[in-house]
Amino acid sequence: MRNYENLFVVEECELPLIDLELLKGREFEREECKRKIAQASQEWGFFQVVNHGISQDVLLKMRKEQMKLFKKPFHEKMNDKQLNFSAGSYRWGTPSATCLQQLSWSEAFHVPLTDISNSIHHPTTLSSTMEQFATTVSELAHNLARILSERMGYKSKYFRETCLPHTCYVRMNRYPACPISPQVFGLMPHTDSDFLTILHQDEIGGLQLVRDGKWISVKPNPEALIINIGDLFQAWSNGVYKSVEHRVVTNKAKERFSTAFFLCPSYDTEIRSCFEPSVYKRFTFREFRQQVQEDVKKYGYKVGLPRFLVSTH
């Protein structure tokens, strides 16, 4: 059973801040920028980027459309045919929760990129804004994945070939004000089951992560996007890049909004280390997801990568 003591004793910090404009500079500037990206991925598992190529106009429009969507009545969010999203895209709470600590005080739309591109045939302000957001953020994710793999000495089209529009997702989150904060989380402590996550959050704050065995609170930066390493990249890099546990805490007085992009492969993609001897067994993304679902059902939380460690016996 996890130890949930001292969960709310946290310090605020700023994540490593990287200016991606340097990737357009002279060779030594480009190399220094790439070095910082890799270093933050090794030491923090999280960093933030500015001059990332996604305009503030698109980010503000995305936030505005997201807020409008969440204001709809519950039955419309559940069954709105105009949205053209796959069944089950709208989610709330934690269906598997067995106690208060496992309950997520949040609602979300978890949407595959193909749903977004298909909705363009019947365009709405929401669908066209999501398309702009998803296209630019997806390209950023692929570029960062390429940089991180090249820093490992591995040049490949692996991420372009395995992380496709029908396997990647945009997730729009709303965390309502919570009268019993901090007894429940907006999002339970977890690691992300993907290669990379790109997050745009509002100024309310609430994102926290583990560093040096302690929970720290991420100071919001309205100009920046937050990047974090997922489990698959940790396994692929043989443990060099870190997938770090994080959570969202609720706010008693204010609701919080965020939008995340998840760089995911197809379920049949084999995840294996780019180096030998490997810390982790080879596994498919499908096997990983199934194990996560079994553990959540059994224990109420995700175990994740420790399940796939190569036995030392």
C-alpha atoms as a PDB file:
ATOM      1  CA  MET A   1       0.000   0.000   0.000  1.00  0.00           C
ATOM      2  CA  ARG A   2       1.337   3.439  -0.863  1.00  0.00           C
ATOM      3  CA  ASN A   3       2.362   5.883   1.839  1.00  0.00           C
ATOM      4  CA  TYR A   4       0.240   9.020   1.440  1.00  0.00           C
ATOM      5  CA  GLU A   5       1.643  10.863   4.454  1.00  0.00           C
ATOM      6  CA  ASN A   6       3.089  14.339   3.960  1.00  0.00           C
ATOM      7  CA  LEU A   7       1.324  14.601   0.609  1.00  0.00           C
ATOM      8  CA  PHE A   8       0.509  18.260   1.052  1.00  0.00           C
ATOM      9  CA  VAL A   9       3.834  19.576   2.372  1.00  0.00           C
ATOM     10  CA  VAL A  10       5.254  20.992  -0.844  1.00  0.00           C
ATOM     11  CA  GLU A  11       7.567  23.724  -2.072  1.00  0.00           C
ATOM     12  CA  GLU A  12       6.974  25.746  -5.222  1.00  0.00           C
ATOM     13  CA  CYS A  13       9.635  25.652  -7.928  1.00  0.00           C
ATOM     14  CA  GLU A  14      10.195  26.660 -11.535  1.00  0.00           C
ATOM     15  CA  LEU A  15      10.924  23.895 -14.014  1.00  0.00           C
ATOM     16  CA  PRO A  16      14.028  24.148 -16.222  1.00  0.00           C
ATOM     17  CA  LEU A  17      13.132  26.746 -18.877  1.00  0.00           C
ATOM     18  CA  ILE A  18      14.379  26.156 -22.425  1.00  0.00           C
ATOM     19  CA  ASP A  19      14.146  28.687 -25.272  1.00  0.00           C
ATOM     20  CA  LEU A  20      13.504  26.708 -28.466  1.00  0.00           C
ATOM     21  CA  GLU A  21      14.348  29.767 -30.575  1.00  0.00           C
ATOM     22  CA  LEU A  22      17.966  28.647 -30.078  1.00  0.00           C
ATOM     23  CA  LEU A  23      17.284  25.638 -32.324  1.00  0.00           C
ATOM     24  CA  LYS A  24      17.258  28.142 -35.212  1.00  0.00           C
ATOM     25  CA  GLY A  25      20.574  29.701 -34.145  1.00  0.00           C
ATOM     26  CA  ARG A  26      24.213  28.915 -34.815  1.00  0.00           C
ATOM     27  CA  GLU A  27      25.487  25.379 -34.400  1.00  0.00           C
ATOM     28  CA  PHE A  28      26.808  25.825 -30.849  1.00  0.00           C
ATOM     29  CA  GLU A  29      23.467  27.398 -29.801  1.00  0.00           C
ATOM     30  CA  ARG A  30      21.529  24.515 -31.336  1.00  0.00           C
ATOM     31  CA  GLU A  31      23.731  21.925 -29.619  1.00  0.00           C
ATOM     32  CA  GLU A  32      23.501  23.702 -26.263  1.00  0.00           C
ATOM     33  CA  CYS A  33      19.698  23.814 -26.526  1.00  0.00           C
ATOM     34  CA  LYS A  34      19.556  20.074 -27.313  1.00  0.00           C
ATOM     35  CA  ARG A  35      21.909  19.351 -24.414  1.00  0.00           C
ATOM     36  CA  LYS A  36      19.616  21.228 -22.023  1.00  0.00           C
ATOM     37  CA  ILE A  37      16.557  19.308 -23.294  1.00  0.00           C
ATOM     38  CA  ALA A  38      18.312  15.983 -22.684  1.00  0.00           C
ATOM     39  CA  GLN A  39      19.712  17.065 -19.311  1.00  0.00           C
ATOM     40  CA  ALA A  40      16.288  18.169 -18.025  1.00  0.00           C
ATOM     41  CA  SER A  41      14.781  14.884 -19.264  1.00  0.00           C
ATOM     42  CA  GLN A  42      17.412  12.937 -17.317  1.00  0.00           C
ATOM     43  CA  GLU A  43      17.428  14.970 -14.113  1.00  0.00           C
ATOM     44  CA  TRP A  44      13.831  16.182 -13.842  1.00  0.00           C
ATOM     45  CA  GLY A  45      11.711  14.232 -16.336  1.00  0.00           C
ATOM     46  CA  PHE A  46       9.972  17.613 -16.788  1.00  0.00           C
ATOM     47  CA  PHE A  47      10.884  20.933 -18.401  1.00  0.00           C
ATOM     48  CA  GLN A  48       9.145  23.936 -19.924  1.00  0.00           C
ATOM     49  CA  VAL A  49       9.685  25.550 -23.301  1.00  0.00           C
ATOM     50  CA  VAL A  50       9.116  29.030 -24.715  1.00  0.00           C
ATOM     51  CA  ASN A  51       9.234  30.144 -28.368  1.00  0.00           C
ATOM     52  CA  HIS A  52       7.740  26.728 -29.045  1.00  0.00           C
ATOM     53  CA  GLY A  53       5.961  27.629 -32.291  1.00  0.00           C
ATOM     54  CA  ILE A  54       2.371  27.475 -30.999  1.00  0.00           C
ATOM     55  CA  SER A  55       0.944  30.971 -31.084  1.00  0.00           C
ATOM     56  CA  GLN A  56      -0.611  32.543 -27.995  1.00  0.00           C
ATOM     57  CA  ASP A  57      -3.670  33.232 -30.141  1.00  0.00           C
ATOM     58  CA  VAL A  58      -4.205  29.492 -30.758  1.00  0.00           C
ATOM     59  CA  LEU A  59      -3.617  28.671 -27.075  1.00  0.00           C
ATOM     60  CA  LEU A  60      -6.065  31.353 -25.929  1.00  0.00           C
ATOM     61  CA  LYS A  61      -8.686  30.240 -28.466  1.00  0.00           C
ATOM     62  CA  MET A  62      -8.214  26.653 -27.340  1.00  0.00           C
ATOM     63  CA  ARG A  63      -8.790  27.626 -23.712  1.00  0.00           C
ATOM     64  CA  LYS A  64     -11.893  29.687 -24.609  1.00  0.00           C
ATOM     65  CA  GLU A  65     -13.454  26.844 -26.655  1.00  0.00           C
ATOM     66  CA  GLN A  66     -12.609  24.321 -23.967  1.00  0.00           C
ATOM     67  CA  MET A  67     -14.343  26.383 -21.293  1.00  0.00           C
ATOM     68  CA  LYS A  68     -17.442  26.711 -23.489  1.00  0.00           C
ATOM     69  CA  LEU A  69     -17.495  22.949 -24.045  1.00  0.00           C
ATOM     70  CA  PHE A  70     -17.305  22.095 -20.347  1.00  0.00           C
ATOM     71  CA  LYS A  71     -20.122  24.523 -19.526  1.00  0.00           C
ATOM     72  CA  LYS A  72     -22.560  22.367 -21.509  1.00  0.00           C
ATOM     73  CA  PRO A  73     -25.078  20.275 -19.509  1.00  0.00           C
ATOM     74  CA  PHE A  74     -23.868  16.810 -18.524  1.00  0.00           C
ATOM     75  CA  HIS A  75     -26.212  14.942 -20.896  1.00  0.00           C
ATOM     76  CA  GLU A  76     -24.929  17.003 -23.834  1.00  0.00           C
ATOM     77  CA  LYS A  77     -21.297  16.315 -22.983  1.00  0.00           C
ATOM     78  CA  MET A  78     -22.140  12.627 -22.766  1.00  0.00           C
ATOM     79  CA  ASN A  79     -24.096  12.407 -26.021  1.00  0.00           C
ATOM     80  CA  ASP A  80     -23.306  15.441 -28.184  1.00  0.00           C
ATOM     81  CA  LYS A  81     -23.324  14.060 -31.755  1.00  0.00           C
ATOM     82  CA  GLN A  82     -22.091  17.391 -33.131  1.00  0.00           C
ATOM     83  CA  LEU A  83     -18.738  16.858 -31.439  1.00  0.00           C
ATOM     84  CA  ASN A  84     -18.073  13.801 -33.630  1.00  0.00           C
ATOM     85  CA  PHE A  85     -15.800  12.319 -30.937  1.00  0.00           C
ATOM     86  CA  SER A  86     -15.436   8.564 -30.364  1.00  0.00           C
ATOM     87  CA  ALA A  87     -17.641   6.916 -27.756  1.00  0.00           C
ATOM     88  CA  GLY A  88     -16.111   7.239 -24.307  1.00  0.00           C
ATOM     89  CA  SER A  89     -14.193  10.436 -25.098  1.00  0.00           C
ATOM     90  CA  TYR A  90     -15.941  12.274 -22.271  1.00  0.00           C
ATOM     91  CA  ARG A  91     -14.716  11.061 -18.880  1.00  0.00           C
ATOM     92  CA  TRP A  92     -15.175  12.160 -15.292  1.00  0.00           C
ATOM     93  CA  GLY A  93     -14.059  11.037 -11.841  1.00  0.00           C
ATOM     94  CA  THR A  94     -12.403   7.633 -11.438  1.00  0.00           C
ATOM     95  CA  PRO A  95     -14.621   4.624 -12.230  1.00  0.00           C
ATOM     96  CA  SER A  96     -12.141   2.267 -10.511  1.00  0.00           C
ATOM     97  CA  ALA A  97     -11.897   4.287  -7.264  1.00  0.00           C
ATOM     98  CA  THR A  98     -12.404   2.287  -4.065  1.00  0.00           C
ATOM     99  CA  CYS A  99     -11.710   5.117  -1.614  1.00  0.00           C
ATOM    100  CA  LEU A 100     -11.629   8.932  -1.512  1.00  0.00           C
ATOM    101  CA  GLN A 101      -7.870   9.114  -2.154  1.00  0.00           C
ATOM    102  CA  GLN A 102      -8.324   7.334  -5.494  1.00  0.00           C
ATOM    103  CA  LEU A 103     -11.023   9.702  -6.752  1.00  0.00           C
ATOM    104  CA  SER A 104     -10.066  12.251  -9.412  1.00  0.00           C
ATOM    105  CA  TRP A 105     -11.997  15.500  -8.969  1.00  0.00           C
ATOM    106  CA  SER A 106     -12.046  16.297 -12.674  1.00  0.00           C
ATOM    107  CA  GLU A 107     -13.694  15.847 -16.031  1.00  0.00           C
ATOM    108  CA  ALA A 108     -12.032  15.519 -19.416  1.00  0.00           C
ATOM    109  CA  PHE A 109     -12.424  14.944 -23.135  1.00  0.00           C
ATOM    110  CA  HIS A 110      -9.827  12.413 -24.326  1.00  0.00           C
ATOM    111  CA  VAL A 111      -9.815  12.711 -28.116  1.00  0.00           C
ATOM    112  CA  PRO A 112      -7.742  10.844 -30.760  1.00  0.00           C
ATOM    113  CA  LEU A 113      -6.218  13.140 -33.402  1.00  0.00           C
ATOM    114  CA  THR A 114      -8.196  11.299 -36.097  1.00  0.00           C
ATOM    115  CA  ASP A 115     -11.463  12.387 -34.412  1.00  0.00           C
ATOM    116  CA  ILE A 116     -10.266  15.979 -34.640  1.00  0.00           C
ATOM    117  CA  SER A 117      -9.307  15.767 -38.310  1.00  0.00           C
ATOM    118  CA  ASN A 118     -12.583  13.952 -39.178  1.00  0.00           C
ATOM    119  CA  SER A 119     -14.630  16.687 -37.501  1.00  0.00           C
ATOM    120  CA  ILE A 120     -13.192  19.222 -39.958  1.00  0.00           C
ATOM    121  CA  HIS A 121     -15.696  17.890 -42.522  1.00  0.00           C
ATOM    122  CA  HIS A 122     -18.390  19.459 -40.306  1.00  0.00           C
ATOM    123  CA  PRO A 123     -16.353  22.338 -38.895  1.00  0.00           C
ATOM    124  CA  THR A 124     -17.115  24.188 -35.693  1.00  0.00           C
ATOM    125  CA  THR A 125     -15.018  26.801 -33.911  1.00  0.00           C
ATOM    126  CA  LEU A 126     -14.001  24.070 -31.456  1.00  0.00           C
ATOM    127  CA  SER A 127     -12.943  21.559 -34.125  1.00  0.00           C
ATOM    128  CA  SER A 128     -10.958  24.078 -36.193  1.00  0.00           C
ATOM    129  CA  THR A 129      -9.201  25.378 -33.043  1.00  0.00           C
ATOM    130  CA  MET A 130      -8.410  21.833 -31.902  1.00  0.00           C
ATOM    131  CA  GLU A 131      -7.036  21.043 -35.361  1.00  0.00           C
ATOM    132  CA  GLN A 132      -4.690  24.044 -35.199  1.00  0.00           C
ATOM    133  CA  PHE A 133      -3.574  23.106 -31.694  1.00  0.00           C
ATOM    134  CA  ALA A 134      -3.119  19.387 -32.418  1.00  0.00           C
ATOM    135  CA  THR A 135      -1.195  19.895 -35.666  1.00  0.00           C
ATOM    136  CA  THR A 136       1.353  22.296 -34.193  1.00  0.00           C
ATOM    137  CA  VAL A 137       1.769  20.505 -30.849  1.00  0.00           C
ATOM    138  CA  SER A 138       2.138  17.126 -32.581  1.00  0.00           C
ATOM    139  CA  GLU A 139       4.966  18.501 -34.698  1.00  0.00           C
ATOM    140  CA  LEU A 140       6.652  19.915 -31.587  1.00  0.00           C
ATOM    141  CA  ALA A 141       6.384  16.522 -29.838  1.00  0.00           C
ATOM    142  CA  HIS A 142       7.950  14.711 -32.796  1.00  0.00           C
ATOM    143  CA  ASN A 143      10.798  17.229 -32.970  1.00  0.00           C
ATOM    144  CA  LEU A 144      11.533  16.853 -29.248  1.00  0.00           C
ATOM    145  CA  ALA A 145      11.415  13.044 -29.528  1.00  0.00           C
ATOM    146  CA  ARG A 146      13.881  13.217 -32.428  1.00  0.00           C
ATOM    147  CA  ILE A 147      16.247  15.457 -30.436  1.00  0.00           C
ATOM    148  CA  LEU A 148      16.105  13.162 -27.396  1.00  0.00           C
ATOM    149  CA  SER A 149      16.749  10.043 -29.489  1.00  0.00           C
ATOM    150  CA  GLU A 150      19.642  11.687 -31.350  1.00  0.00           C
ATOM    151  CA  ARG A 151      21.233  12.647 -28.017  1.00  0.00           C
ATOM    152  CA  MET A 152      21.277   8.913 -27.296  1.00  0.00           C
ATOM    153  CA  GLY A 153      23.121   8.427 -30.596  1.00  0.00           C
ATOM    154  CA  TYR A 154      20.071   6.903 -32.224  1.00  0.00           C
ATOM    155  CA  LYS A 155      18.923   8.399 -35.541  1.00  0.00           C
ATOM    156  CA  SER A 156      15.702   6.827 -36.691  1.00  0.00           C
ATOM    157  CA  LYS A 157      12.195   7.410 -38.032  1.00  0.00           C
ATOM    158  CA  TYR A 158      10.906   5.230 -35.175  1.00  0.00           C
ATOM    159  CA  PHE A 159       8.674   7.892 -33.615  1.00  0.00           C
ATOM    160  CA  ARG A 160       7.347   9.157 -36.963  1.00  0.00           C
ATOM    161  CA  GLU A 161       6.493   5.589 -37.983  1.00  0.00           C
ATOM    162  CA  THR A 162       4.906   4.432 -34.718  1.00  0.00           C
ATOM    163  CA  CYS A 163       3.211   7.556 -33.273  1.00  0.00           C
ATOM    164  CA  LEU A 164       0.464   8.280 -35.790  1.00  0.00           C
ATOM    165  CA  PRO A 165      -2.666  10.470 -35.732  1.00  0.00           C
ATOM    166  CA  HIS A 166      -4.926   7.550 -34.761  1.00  0.00           C
ATOM    167  CA  THR A 167      -2.666   6.638 -31.809  1.00  0.00           C
ATOM    168  CA  CYS A 168      -1.999  10.140 -30.377  1.00  0.00           C
ATOM    169  CA  TYR A 169      -4.458  12.085 -28.218  1.00  0.00           C
ATOM    170  CA  VAL A 170      -5.464  15.534 -27.090  1.00  0.00           C
ATOM    171  CA  ARG A 171      -6.987  15.679 -23.618  1.00  0.00           C
ATOM    172  CA  MET A 172      -8.942  18.717 -22.436  1.00  0.00           C
ATOM    173  CA  ASN A 173      -9.149  18.837 -18.631  1.00  0.00           C
ATOM    174  CA  ARG A 174     -11.345  20.713 -16.195  1.00  0.00           C
ATOM    175  CA  TYR A 175     -10.731  20.580 -12.445  1.00  0.00           C
ATOM    176  CA  PRO A 176     -13.731  22.155 -10.669  1.00  0.00           C
ATOM    177  CA  ALA A 177     -13.273  24.092  -7.441  1.00  0.00           C
ATOM    178  CA  CYS A 178     -13.341  21.505  -4.656  1.00  0.00           C
ATOM    179  CA  PRO A 179     -14.878  22.295  -1.247  1.00  0.00           C
ATOM    180  CA  ILE A 180     -13.039  19.370   0.405  1.00  0.00           C
ATOM    181  CA  SER A 181      -9.604  20.189  -1.043  1.00  0.00           C
ATOM    182  CA  PRO A 182      -6.972  18.883  -0.323  1.00  0.00           C
ATOM    183  CA  GLN A 183      -8.622  15.596   0.662  1.00  0.00           C
ATOM    184  CA  VAL A 184      -9.095  14.615  -2.993  1.00  0.00           C
ATOM    185  CA  PHE A 185      -6.863  15.070  -6.022  1.00  0.00           C
ATOM    186  CA  GLY A 186      -7.761  16.580  -9.356  1.00  0.00           C
ATOM    187  CA  LEU A 187      -5.612  13.787 -10.749  1.00  0.00           C
ATOM    188  CA  MET A 188      -4.119  10.989  -8.652  1.00  0.00           C
ATOM    189  CA  PRO A 189      -0.331  10.526  -8.454  1.00  0.00           C
ATOM    190  CA  HIS A 190       0.750   8.711 -11.629  1.00  0.00           C
ATOM    191  CA  THR A 191       3.261   8.545 -14.463  1.00  0.00           C
ATOM    192  CA  ASP A 192       2.218   8.960 -18.101  1.00  0.00           C
ATOM    193  CA  SER A 193       1.948   5.812 -20.249  1.00  0.00           C
ATOM    194  CA  ASP A 194       3.312   7.404 -23.433  1.00  0.00           C
ATOM    195  CA  PHE A 195       6.561   8.699 -24.947  1.00  0.00           C
ATOM    196  CA  LEU A 196       6.047  12.435 -24.359  1.00  0.00           C
ATOM    197  CA  THR A 197       3.330  14.688 -22.977  1.00  0.00           C
ATOM    198  CA  ILE A 198       2.971  18.384 -23.829  1.00  0.00           C
ATOM    199  CA  LEU A 199       0.806  20.405 -21.452  1.00  0.00           C
ATOM    200  CA  HIS A 200      -0.675  23.883 -21.613  1.00  0.00           C
ATOM    201  CA  GLN A 201      -2.041  24.928 -18.213  1.00  0.00           C
ATOM    202  CA  ASP A 202      -3.758  28.069 -16.992  1.00  0.00           C
ATOM    203  CA  GLU A 203      -2.464  30.445 -14.299  1.00  0.00           C
ATOM    204  CA  ILE A 204      -4.268  28.690 -11.401  1.00  0.00           C
ATOM    205  CA  GLY A 205      -1.594  26.075 -10.793  1.00  0.00           C
ATOM    206  CA  GLY A 206      -2.007  22.680  -9.169  1.00  0.00           C
ATOM    207  CA  LEU A 207       0.487  20.508 -11.040  1.00  0.00           C
ATOM    208  CA  GLN A 208       2.956  18.852  -8.668  1.00  0.00           C
ATOM    209  CA  LEU A 209       5.771  16.358  -9.247  1.00  0.00           C
ATOM    210  CA  VAL A 210       8.245  14.284  -7.284  1.00  0.00           C
ATOM    211  CA  ARG A 211      11.836  15.529  -7.094  1.00  0.00           C
ATOM    212  CA  ASP A 212      14.480  14.114  -4.754  1.00  0.00           C
ATOM    213  CA  GLY A 213      11.803  12.138  -2.933  1.00  0.00           C
ATOM    214  CA  LYS A 214       9.620  15.198  -2.245  1.00  0.00           C
ATOM    215  CA  TRP A 215       6.520  16.649  -3.866  1.00  0.00           C
ATOM    216  CA  ILE A 216       7.109  20.063  -5.426  1.00  0.00           C
ATOM    217  CA  SER A 217       4.578  22.454  -6.924  1.00  0.00           C
ATOM    218  CA  VAL A 218       5.140  23.754 -10.462  1.00  0.00           C
ATOM    219  CA  LYS A 219       4.874  27.525 -10.738  1.00  0.00           C
ATOM    220  CA  PRO A 220       2.609  28.401 -13.697  1.00  0.00           C
ATOM    221  CA  ASN A 221       4.216  30.233 -16.627  1.00  0.00           C
ATOM    222  CA  PRO A 222       1.595  31.505 -19.120  1.00  0.00           C
ATOM    223  CA  GLU A 223       4.206  31.831 -21.885  1.00  0.00           C
ATOM    224  CA  ALA A 224       5.477  28.265 -21.604  1.00  0.00           C
ATOM    225  CA  LEU A 225       4.403  24.731 -22.488  1.00  0.00           C
ATOM    226  CA  ILE A 226       5.328  21.944 -20.072  1.00  0.00           C
ATOM    227  CA  ILE A 227       6.966  18.800 -21.442  1.00  0.00           C
ATOM    228  CA  ASN A 228       7.268  15.554 -19.535  1.00  0.00           C
ATOM    229  CA  ILE A 229       8.803  12.176 -20.287  1.00  0.00           C
ATOM    230  CA  GLY A 230       6.477   9.158 -20.307  1.00  0.00           C
ATOM    231  CA  ASP A 231       7.040   5.531 -19.318  1.00  0.00           C
ATOM    232  CA  LEU A 232       7.725   4.393 -22.876  1.00  0.00           C
ATOM    233  CA  PHE A 233      10.574   6.857 -23.347  1.00  0.00           C
ATOM    234  CA  GLN A 234      12.092   5.776 -20.037  1.00  0.00           C
ATOM    235  CA  ALA A 235      12.003   2.147 -21.201  1.00  0.00           C
ATOM    236  CA  TRP A 236      13.250   3.027 -24.703  1.00  0.00           C
ATOM    237  CA  SER A 237      16.161   5.059 -23.284  1.00  0.00           C
ATOM    238  CA  ASN A 238      17.043   2.215 -20.890  1.00  0.00           C
ATOM    239  CA  GLY A 239      16.244   4.397 -17.889  1.00  0.00           C
ATOM    240  CA  VAL A 240      18.291   7.439 -18.986  1.00  0.00           C
ATOM    241  CA  TYR A 241      15.257   9.703 -19.418  1.00  0.00           C
ATOM    242  CA  LYS A 242      12.941   9.713 -16.404  1.00  0.00           C
ATOM    243  CA  SER A 243       9.178   9.263 -16.283  1.00  0.00           C
ATOM    244  CA  VAL A 244       8.368  11.086 -13.058  1.00  0.00           C
ATOM    245  CA  GLU A 245       5.335  10.688 -10.803  1.00  0.00           C
ATOM    246  CA  HIS A 246       3.070  13.735 -10.808  1.00  0.00           C
ATOM    247  CA  ARG A 247      -0.433  14.756  -9.745  1.00  0.00           C
ATOM    248  CA  VAL A 248      -2.909  17.635  -9.787  1.00  0.00           C
ATOM    249  CA  VAL A 249      -4.180  19.101  -6.521  1.00  0.00           C
ATOM    250  CA  THR A 250      -7.567  20.765  -6.332  1.00  0.00           C
ATOM    251  CA  ASN A 251      -8.282  24.391  -5.479  1.00  0.00           C
ATOM    252  CA  LYS A 252     -11.002  25.297  -2.993  1.00  0.00           C
ATOM    253  CA  ALA A 253     -12.011  28.521  -4.712  1.00  0.00           C
ATOM    254  CA  LYS A 254     -11.154  28.278  -8.423  1.00  0.00           C
ATOM    255  CA  GLU A 255     -11.574  25.836 -11.280  1.00  0.00           C
ATOM    256  CA  ARG A 256      -8.519  24.962 -13.376  1.00  0.00           C
ATOM    257  CA  PHE A 257      -8.200  24.131 -17.078  1.00  0.00           C
ATOM    258  CA  SER A 258      -5.407  22.439 -18.982  1.00  0.00           C
ATOM    259  CA  THR A 259      -4.882  20.829 -22.384  1.00  0.00           C
ATOM    260  CA  ALA A 260      -2.477  17.944 -22.943  1.00  0.00           C
ATOM    261  CA  PHE A 261      -1.097  16.193 -26.021  1.00  0.00           C
ATOM    262  CA  PHE A 262       0.082  12.576 -25.684  1.00  0.00           C
ATOM    263  CA  LEU A 263       2.635  11.128 -28.111  1.00  0.00           C
ATOM    264  CA  CYS A 264       1.595   7.458 -28.173  1.00  0.00           C
ATOM    265  CA  PRO A 265       2.460   4.527 -30.463  1.00  0.00           C
ATOM    266  CA  SER A 266       0.130   1.893 -31.901  1.00  0.00           C
ATOM    267  CA  TYR A 267      -0.788  -0.947 -29.547  1.00  0.00           C
ATOM    268  CA  ASP A 268       1.321  -3.411 -31.577  1.00  0.00           C
ATOM    269  CA  THR A 269       4.501  -1.305 -31.292  1.00  0.00           C
ATOM    270  CA  GLU A 270       7.292  -3.172 -29.524  1.00  0.00           C
ATOM    271  CA  ILE A 271       9.060  -1.087 -26.893  1.00  0.00           C
ATOM    272  CA  ARG A 272      12.669  -2.098 -26.419  1.00  0.00           C
ATOM    273  CA  SER A 273      15.778  -0.374 -25.178  1.00  0.00           C
ATOM    274  CA  CYS A 274      18.108   1.295 -27.655  1.00  0.00           C
ATOM    275  CA  PHE A 275      20.986  -0.123 -25.558  1.00  0.00           C
ATOM    276  CA  GLU A 276      21.964  -3.540 -24.230  1.00  0.00           C
ATOM    277  CA  PRO A 277      21.965  -4.918 -21.636  1.00  0.00           C
ATOM    278  CA  SER A 278      18.443  -3.680 -21.181  1.00  0.00           C
ATOM    279  CA  VAL A 279      16.955  -2.750 -17.823  1.00  0.00           C
ATOM    280  CA  TYR A 280      13.487  -3.632 -19.122  1.00  0.00           C
ATOM    281  CA  LYS A 281      11.969  -6.620 -20.910  1.00  0.00           C
ATOM    282  CA  ARG A 282      10.672  -6.048 -24.422  1.00  0.00           C
ATOM    283  CA  PHE A 283       6.933  -5.417 -24.436  1.00  0.00           C
ATOM    284  CA  THR A 284       4.230  -4.104 -26.724  1.00  0.00           C
ATOM    285  CA  PHE A 285       2.256  -1.015 -25.852  1.00  0.00           C
ATOM    286  CA  ARG A 286      -0.831  -3.257 -25.706  1.00  0.00           C
ATOM    287  CA  GLU A 287       0.811  -5.481 -23.062  1.00  0.00           C
ATOM    288  CA  PHE A 288       1.793  -2.411 -21.063  1.00  0.00           C
ATOM    289  CA  ARG A 289      -1.713  -0.920 -21.157  1.00  0.00           C
ATOM    290  CA  GLN A 290      -3.320  -4.232 -20.200  1.00  0.00           C
ATOM    291  CA  GLN A 291      -0.982  -4.611 -17.215  1.00  0.00           C
ATOM    292  CA  VAL A 292      -1.735  -1.038 -16.094  1.00  0.00           C
ATOM    293  CA  GLN A 293      -5.496  -1.689 -16.293  1.00  0.00           C
ATOM    294  CA  GLU A 294      -5.182  -4.944 -14.327  1.00  0.00           C
ATOM    295  CA  ASP A 295      -3.147  -3.242 -11.589  1.00  0.00           C
ATOM    296  CA  VAL A 296      -5.517  -0.280 -11.308  1.00  0.00           C
ATOM    297  CA  LYS A 297      -8.431  -2.685 -10.985  1.00  0.00           C
ATOM    298  CA  LYS A 298      -6.619  -4.765  -8.364  1.00  0.00           C
ATOM    299  CA  TYR A 299      -4.767  -2.128  -6.325  1.00  0.00           C
ATOM    300  CA  GLY A 300      -6.482   1.164  -7.202  1.00  0.00           C
ATOM    301  CA  TYR A 301      -3.313   2.629  -8.724  1.00  0.00           C
ATOM    302  CA  LYS A 302      -0.872   2.025 -11.576  1.00  0.00           C
ATOM    303  CA  VAL A 303       2.346   0.059 -10.957  1.00  0.00           C
ATOM    304  CA  GLY A 304       3.804   0.724 -14.426  1.00  0.00           C
ATOM    305  CA  LEU A 305       7.390   0.085 -15.502  1.00  0.00           C
ATOM    306  CA  PRO A 306       8.549  -1.889 -12.417  1.00  0.00           C
ATOM    307  CA  ARG A 307       6.366  -4.711 -13.799  1.00  0.00           C
ATOM    308  CA  PHE A 308       8.666  -4.944 -16.833  1.00  0.00           C
ATOM    309  CA  LEU A 309      12.095  -4.900 -15.189  1.00  0.00           C
ATOM    310  CA  VAL A 310      14.491  -7.642 -16.290  1.00  0.00           C
ATOM    311  CA  SER A 311      14.937 -10.068 -13.399  1.00  0.00           C
ATOM    312  CA  THR A 312      18.353  -9.849 -11.766  1.00  0.00           C
ATOM    313  CA  HIS A 313      18.119 -13.409 -10.403  1.00  0.00           C
END
